[in-house]
Amino acid sequence: DVDTAVACALISSAHLPPRAYSYSLLCKDPLLILKCHLSVWKCPGLRRIVLAILQRLLEANNHITLQDAPTEEAGQQMLAARDSLVARCLLISGCNSFVL
């Protein structure tokens, strides 16, 4: 899958070989994509790619989380906490990309 290959490449470090994440693992933990190096966030084209992949992973994760949660309310709370964390990370990375 193209999203998986691109996500693995963007998460990888220049000093370490790329990690091989599966699509199912990325869907279960879409926050992994936020581990991209700061230089990725500073490049508008790469930032758009990361955000597009993140959006698709979050949508897939919605279904997984709601199916695996013991109750619908618990699933909604987990998704709200996840979305709050994503928003904070994106705000911080956005602020840092303008400062650096």
N, C-alpha and C. Protein backbone atom coordinates (compact mmCIF):
# COMPACT_ATOMS: atom_id res chain seq x y z
N ASP A 1 0.85 -1.19 0.00
CA ASP A 1 0.00 0.00 0.00
C ASP A 1 0.89 1.25 0.00
N VAL A 2 0.52 2.22 -0.77
CA VAL A 2 1.32 3.44 -0.90
C VAL A 2 1.38 4.21 0.41
N ASP A 3 0.24 4.33 1.10
CA ASP A 3 0.24 5.05 2.38
C ASP A 3 1.22 4.43 3.37
N THR A 4 1.27 3.12 3.42
CA THR A 4 2.16 2.43 4.35
C THR A 4 3.62 2.71 4.02
N ALA A 5 3.97 2.60 2.75
CA ALA A 5 5.36 2.84 2.33
C ALA A 5 5.77 4.28 2.60
N VAL A 6 4.89 5.22 2.29
CA VAL A 6 5.20 6.64 2.51
C VAL A 6 5.31 6.93 4.00
N ALA A 7 4.38 6.40 4.78
CA ALA A 7 4.41 6.62 6.23
C ALA A 7 5.71 6.07 6.83
N CYS A 8 6.10 4.88 6.43
CA CYS A 8 7.35 4.29 6.95
C CYS A 8 8.55 5.14 6.58
N ALA A 9 8.57 5.65 5.35
CA ALA A 9 9.69 6.49 4.92
C ALA A 9 9.72 7.81 5.69
N LEU A 10 8.57 8.40 5.93
CA LEU A 10 8.52 9.68 6.64
C LEU A 10 8.85 9.54 8.11
N ILE A 11 8.52 8.39 8.70
CA ILE A 11 8.81 8.16 10.11
C ILE A 11 10.29 7.82 10.32
N SER A 12 10.93 7.28 9.29
CA SER A 12 12.31 6.82 9.43
C SER A 12 13.28 7.97 9.70
N SER A 13 14.40 7.60 10.24
CA SER A 13 15.46 8.56 10.55
C SER A 13 16.57 8.43 9.51
N ALA A 14 17.32 9.49 9.33
CA ALA A 14 18.43 9.45 8.38
C ALA A 14 19.53 8.51 8.86
N HIS A 15 19.59 8.28 10.16
CA HIS A 15 20.68 7.48 10.73
C HIS A 15 20.29 6.03 11.00
N LEU A 16 19.01 5.71 10.85
CA LEU A 16 18.55 4.35 11.11
C LEU A 16 17.79 3.84 9.89
N PRO A 17 17.81 2.53 9.67
CA PRO A 17 17.03 1.99 8.54
C PRO A 17 15.54 2.19 8.81
N PRO A 18 14.74 2.31 7.76
CA PRO A 18 13.31 2.51 7.96
C PRO A 18 12.66 1.34 8.68
N ARG A 19 11.74 1.64 9.58
CA ARG A 19 11.00 0.60 10.28
C ARG A 19 9.89 0.10 9.37
N ALA A 20 9.62 -1.15 9.46
CA ALA A 20 8.58 -1.76 8.61
C ALA A 20 7.28 -1.87 9.41
N TYR A 21 6.43 -0.86 9.29
CA TYR A 21 5.12 -0.89 9.93
C TYR A 21 4.11 -1.44 8.94
N SER A 22 3.19 -2.24 9.41
CA SER A 22 2.13 -2.73 8.54
C SER A 22 0.99 -1.72 8.52
N TYR A 23 0.14 -1.82 7.52
CA TYR A 23 -1.01 -0.92 7.43
C TYR A 23 -1.93 -1.13 8.62
N SER A 24 -2.12 -2.38 9.04
CA SER A 24 -3.01 -2.65 10.17
C SER A 24 -2.45 -2.04 11.46
N LEU A 25 -1.13 -2.08 11.64
CA LEU A 25 -0.53 -1.47 12.83
C LEU A 25 -0.70 0.04 12.80
N LEU A 26 -0.50 0.65 11.63
CA LEU A 26 -0.68 2.10 11.51
C LEU A 26 -2.14 2.49 11.75
N CYS A 27 -3.07 1.65 11.33
CA CYS A 27 -4.49 1.94 11.59
C CYS A 27 -4.82 1.81 13.07
N LYS A 28 -4.20 0.84 13.74
CA LYS A 28 -4.44 0.67 15.17
C LYS A 28 -3.79 1.77 15.99
N ASP A 29 -2.67 2.30 15.51
CA ASP A 29 -1.97 3.37 16.21
C ASP A 29 -1.57 4.47 15.22
N PRO A 30 -2.54 5.27 14.78
CA PRO A 30 -2.24 6.30 13.78
C PRO A 30 -1.31 7.41 14.30
N LEU A 31 -1.14 7.48 15.61
CA LEU A 31 -0.27 8.51 16.17
C LEU A 31 1.20 8.27 15.83
N LEU A 32 1.52 7.07 15.35
CA LEU A 32 2.89 6.79 14.92
C LEU A 32 3.36 7.76 13.85
N ILE A 33 2.45 8.19 13.00
CA ILE A 33 2.83 9.09 11.90
C ILE A 33 3.30 10.44 12.44
N LEU A 34 2.91 10.78 13.66
CA LEU A 34 3.34 12.04 14.26
C LEU A 34 4.82 12.01 14.66
N LYS A 35 5.46 10.87 14.54
CA LYS A 35 6.88 10.74 14.87
C LYS A 35 7.79 11.25 13.75
N CYS A 36 7.21 11.82 12.73
CA CYS A 36 8.02 12.37 11.64
C CYS A 36 8.97 13.43 12.16
N HIS A 37 10.11 13.52 11.53
CA HIS A 37 11.10 14.53 11.90
C HIS A 37 10.52 15.92 11.66
N LEU A 38 10.97 16.88 12.41
CA LEU A 38 10.48 18.26 12.32
C LEU A 38 10.66 18.82 10.91
N SER A 39 11.71 18.40 10.21
CA SER A 39 11.93 18.91 8.85
C SER A 39 10.79 18.52 7.91
N VAL A 40 10.12 17.41 8.18
CA VAL A 40 8.97 17.00 7.38
C VAL A 40 7.85 18.00 7.55
N TRP A 41 7.64 18.46 8.78
CA TRP A 41 6.57 19.41 9.07
C TRP A 41 6.87 20.79 8.51
N LYS A 42 8.14 21.10 8.30
CA LYS A 42 8.52 22.42 7.79
C LYS A 42 8.34 22.53 6.27
N CYS A 43 8.24 21.40 5.59
CA CYS A 43 8.09 21.39 4.13
C CYS A 43 6.59 21.28 3.81
N PRO A 44 6.00 22.31 3.19
CA PRO A 44 4.56 22.30 2.95
C PRO A 44 4.06 21.07 2.18
N GLY A 45 4.77 20.62 1.18
CA GLY A 45 4.34 19.45 0.41
C GLY A 45 4.33 18.18 1.24
N LEU A 46 5.41 17.96 2.01
CA LEU A 46 5.46 16.78 2.86
C LEU A 46 4.42 16.86 3.97
N ARG A 47 4.21 18.06 4.50
CA ARG A 47 3.22 18.25 5.56
C ARG A 47 1.83 17.87 5.03
N ARG A 48 1.50 18.26 3.80
CA ARG A 48 0.20 17.90 3.23
C ARG A 48 0.08 16.38 3.07
N ILE A 49 1.16 15.73 2.67
CA ILE A 49 1.14 14.28 2.53
C ILE A 49 0.92 13.61 3.89
N VAL A 50 1.65 14.05 4.91
CA VAL A 50 1.50 13.48 6.25
C VAL A 50 0.07 13.67 6.75
N LEU A 51 -0.48 14.86 6.56
CA LEU A 51 -1.84 15.14 7.04
C LEU A 51 -2.88 14.31 6.30
N ALA A 52 -2.67 14.09 4.99
CA ALA A 52 -3.61 13.26 4.23
C ALA A 52 -3.57 11.82 4.71
N ILE A 53 -2.37 11.30 4.94
CA ILE A 53 -2.24 9.93 5.45
C ILE A 53 -2.81 9.84 6.86
N LEU A 54 -2.52 10.82 7.69
CA LEU A 54 -3.04 10.84 9.06
C LEU A 54 -4.56 10.83 9.05
N GLN A 55 -5.17 11.59 8.18
CA GLN A 55 -6.63 11.63 8.11
C GLN A 55 -7.20 10.25 7.78
N ARG A 56 -6.60 9.58 6.80
CA ARG A 56 -7.10 8.25 6.43
C ARG A 56 -6.89 7.24 7.55
N LEU A 57 -5.74 7.32 8.24
CA LEU A 57 -5.49 6.41 9.34
C LEU A 57 -6.44 6.66 10.50
N LEU A 58 -6.73 7.93 10.78
CA LEU A 58 -7.66 8.26 11.87
C LEU A 58 -9.06 7.75 11.56
N GLU A 59 -9.48 7.86 10.30
CA GLU A 59 -10.80 7.35 9.92
C GLU A 59 -10.88 5.84 10.11
N ALA A 60 -9.84 5.13 9.71
CA ALA A 60 -9.81 3.68 9.92
C ALA A 60 -9.77 3.36 11.40
N ASN A 61 -9.02 4.14 12.17
CA ASN A 61 -8.91 3.91 13.60
C ASN A 61 -10.23 4.15 14.31
N ASN A 62 -11.06 5.07 13.79
CA ASN A 62 -12.38 5.29 14.39
C ASN A 62 -13.16 3.98 14.44
N HIS A 63 -13.20 3.27 13.33
CA HIS A 63 -13.95 2.02 13.26
C HIS A 63 -13.35 0.95 14.17
N ILE A 64 -12.03 0.85 14.17
CA ILE A 64 -11.36 -0.15 15.01
C ILE A 64 -11.63 0.13 16.48
N THR A 65 -11.49 1.38 16.89
CA THR A 65 -11.68 1.74 18.29
C THR A 65 -13.10 1.49 18.74
N LEU A 66 -14.08 1.88 17.93
CA LEU A 66 -15.48 1.68 18.31
C LEU A 66 -15.85 0.20 18.36
N GLN A 67 -15.25 -0.61 17.49
CA GLN A 67 -15.53 -2.05 17.51
C GLN A 67 -14.89 -2.73 18.72
N ASP A 68 -13.69 -2.31 19.09
CA ASP A 68 -12.95 -2.97 20.16
C ASP A 68 -13.30 -2.45 21.55
N ALA A 69 -13.96 -1.31 21.64
CA ALA A 69 -14.28 -0.73 22.94
C ALA A 69 -15.37 -1.55 23.64
N PRO A 70 -15.29 -1.64 24.97
CA PRO A 70 -16.31 -2.41 25.69
C PRO A 70 -17.72 -1.80 25.58
N THR A 71 -17.79 -0.48 25.50
CA THR A 71 -19.08 0.20 25.30
C THR A 71 -18.88 1.32 24.29
N GLU A 72 -19.98 1.80 23.73
CA GLU A 72 -19.89 2.91 22.77
C GLU A 72 -19.36 4.16 23.46
N GLU A 73 -19.78 4.38 24.70
CA GLU A 73 -19.32 5.57 25.44
C GLU A 73 -17.81 5.51 25.66
N ALA A 74 -17.31 4.34 26.02
CA ALA A 74 -15.86 4.20 26.22
C ALA A 74 -15.11 4.44 24.91
N GLY A 75 -15.65 3.94 23.82
CA GLY A 75 -15.03 4.17 22.51
C GLY A 75 -15.01 5.64 22.15
N GLN A 76 -16.11 6.32 22.40
CA GLN A 76 -16.17 7.76 22.12
C GLN A 76 -15.17 8.53 22.97
N GLN A 77 -15.01 8.14 24.23
CA GLN A 77 -14.04 8.80 25.10
C GLN A 77 -12.61 8.56 24.62
N MET A 78 -12.32 7.34 24.17
CA MET A 78 -10.98 7.06 23.65
C MET A 78 -10.70 7.88 22.40
N LEU A 79 -11.69 8.01 21.53
CA LEU A 79 -11.52 8.80 20.32
C LEU A 79 -11.36 10.28 20.63
N ALA A 80 -12.08 10.77 21.62
CA ALA A 80 -11.96 12.18 22.01
C ALA A 80 -10.56 12.44 22.57
N ALA A 81 -10.05 11.53 23.38
CA ALA A 81 -8.70 11.69 23.93
C ALA A 81 -7.66 11.65 22.82
N ARG A 82 -7.84 10.73 21.87
CA ARG A 82 -6.92 10.63 20.74
C ARG A 82 -6.94 11.90 19.90
N ASP A 83 -8.13 12.40 19.61
CA ASP A 83 -8.25 13.60 18.79
C ASP A 83 -7.66 14.82 19.50
N SER A 84 -7.81 14.88 20.81
CA SER A 84 -7.21 15.97 21.58
C SER A 84 -5.69 15.92 21.50
N LEU A 85 -5.13 14.73 21.59
CA LEU A 85 -3.68 14.57 21.49
C LEU A 85 -3.19 14.94 20.09
N VAL A 86 -3.91 14.54 19.07
CA VAL A 86 -3.53 14.88 17.70
C VAL A 86 -3.56 16.39 17.51
N ALA A 87 -4.63 17.03 17.99
CA ALA A 87 -4.74 18.49 17.85
C ALA A 87 -3.59 19.20 18.54
N ARG A 88 -3.25 18.76 19.73
CA ARG A 88 -2.12 19.39 20.46
C ARG A 88 -0.81 19.23 19.70
N CYS A 89 -0.57 18.01 19.20
CA CYS A 89 0.67 17.76 18.46
C CYS A 89 0.74 18.62 17.20
N LEU A 90 -0.37 18.73 16.49
CA LEU A 90 -0.38 19.53 15.27
C LEU A 90 -0.20 21.01 15.57
N LEU A 91 -0.80 21.48 16.65
CA LEU A 91 -0.61 22.88 17.04
C LEU A 91 0.84 23.16 17.39
N ILE A 92 1.44 22.28 18.15
CA ILE A 92 2.84 22.46 18.55
C ILE A 92 3.76 22.39 17.34
N SER A 93 3.54 21.42 16.46
CA SER A 93 4.39 21.32 15.28
C SER A 93 4.18 22.51 14.35
N GLY A 94 2.96 23.00 14.26
CA GLY A 94 2.69 24.17 13.45
C GLY A 94 3.38 25.40 13.97
N CYS A 95 3.37 25.56 15.28
CA CYS A 95 4.06 26.70 15.89
C CYS A 95 5.56 26.59 15.70
N ASN A 96 6.10 25.41 15.87
CA ASN A 96 7.54 25.21 15.74
C ASN A 96 8.00 25.41 14.29
N SER A 97 7.15 25.05 13.33
CA SER A 97 7.57 25.18 11.94
C SER A 97 7.69 26.65 11.53
N PHE A 98 6.96 27.53 12.19
CA PHE A 98 7.08 28.93 11.87
C PHE A 98 8.23 29.59 12.62
N VAL A 99 8.58 29.05 13.78
CA VAL A 99 9.65 29.63 14.59
C VAL A 99 11.01 29.25 14.06
N LEU A 100 11.15 27.98 13.64
CA LEU A 100 12.47 27.48 13.25
C LEU A 100 12.86 27.89 11.87
